[in-house]
């Protein structure tokens, strides 16, 4: 089911919402308003490999690959 990113127009809060069908309405979790704008976001993808996952992201394990900005990577983020 699609997970979309929204920004609330009145309070400028950014959030994600699961929209299952056309009758679902995104509502800001901070102020409850429905005046929200859908944001562009990067679609999630699954890692590739012979088993469909890499050893660092296999069942029960967590992989941190950074946010993609220069200086980010496993074990650190340039934003901090």
Protein backbone atom coordinates (compact mmCIF):
# COMPACT_ATOMS: atom_id res chain seq x y z
CA UNK A 1 0.00 0.00 0.00
CA UNK A 2 1.33 3.43 -0.88
CA UNK A 3 2.94 5.55 1.80
CA UNK A 4 2.96 9.24 0.82
CA UNK A 5 4.74 12.27 2.26
CA UNK A 6 2.68 15.39 2.97
CA UNK A 7 3.27 18.90 4.30
CA UNK A 8 0.55 20.60 6.30
CA UNK A 9 -0.13 24.05 4.83
CA UNK A 10 -1.28 25.78 8.08
CA UNK A 11 1.34 24.46 10.54
CA UNK A 12 4.17 23.56 8.06
CA UNK A 13 4.54 20.05 9.56
CA UNK A 14 5.86 17.26 7.29
CA UNK A 15 4.53 13.72 7.80
CA UNK A 16 3.85 10.40 6.08
CA UNK A 17 0.41 8.87 5.58
CA UNK A 18 -0.75 5.49 4.35
CA UNK A 19 -3.42 6.00 1.69
CA UNK A 20 -5.29 2.79 0.96
CA UNK A 21 -7.95 4.05 -1.43
CA UNK A 22 -9.52 7.20 -2.88
CA UNK A 23 -11.78 7.72 0.14
CA UNK A 24 -8.80 7.98 2.57
CA UNK A 25 -7.88 11.57 3.43
CA UNK A 26 -4.47 12.64 4.70
CA UNK A 27 -4.83 14.52 7.98
CA UNK A 28 -1.99 16.31 9.79
CA UNK A 29 -1.13 14.40 12.99
CA UNK A 30 0.06 17.62 14.65
CA UNK A 31 -2.93 19.95 14.12
CA UNK A 32 -5.58 17.69 12.53
CA UNK A 33 -5.95 19.82 9.41
CA UNK A 34 -6.72 18.30 5.99
CA UNK A 35 -5.14 21.19 4.02
CA UNK A 36 -2.04 19.21 3.09
CA UNK A 37 0.20 19.15 0.02
CA UNK A 38 1.67 15.92 -1.32
CA UNK A 39 5.47 16.09 -1.44
CA UNK A 40 7.82 14.53 -3.93
CA UNK A 41 9.73 11.66 -2.35
CA UNK A 42 12.21 9.02 -3.38
CA UNK A 43 10.61 5.60 -3.72
CA UNK A 44 11.97 2.87 -1.47
CA UNK A 45 13.81 0.01 -3.10
CA UNK A 46 14.93 -3.36 -1.90
CA UNK A 47 18.59 -4.38 -1.94
CA UNK A 48 19.64 -6.77 -4.66
CA UNK A 49 21.62 -9.94 -4.35
CA UNK A 50 21.37 -13.64 -4.96
CA UNK A 51 19.04 -14.09 -1.97
CA UNK A 52 17.20 -10.78 -2.37
CA UNK A 53 19.04 -9.11 0.50
CA UNK A 54 22.55 -8.22 1.49
CA UNK A 55 24.12 -9.75 4.63
CA UNK A 56 24.03 -6.36 6.42
CA UNK A 57 20.28 -6.06 5.88
CA UNK A 58 19.20 -9.65 6.33
CA UNK A 59 16.52 -10.83 8.73
CA UNK A 60 17.07 -9.46 12.22
CA UNK A 61 19.84 -7.08 11.12
CA UNK A 62 19.79 -3.36 10.46
CA UNK A 63 21.91 -1.60 7.88
CA UNK A 64 22.61 2.14 7.94
CA UNK A 65 23.80 3.44 4.61
CA UNK A 66 23.51 7.15 5.33
CA UNK A 67 21.26 9.75 3.76
CA UNK A 68 23.19 9.99 0.49
CA UNK A 69 24.82 13.36 1.23
CA UNK A 70 28.61 13.70 1.00
CA UNK A 71 30.16 12.44 4.22
CA UNK A 72 27.26 10.12 5.06
CA UNK A 73 27.67 6.39 5.11
CA UNK A 74 27.77 3.36 7.36
CA UNK A 75 28.24 4.49 10.95
CA UNK A 76 27.86 8.23 10.51
CA UNK A 77 25.86 11.09 9.09
CA UNK A 78 27.09 14.47 7.90
CA UNK A 79 23.89 16.04 9.25
CA UNK A 80 24.90 15.41 12.90
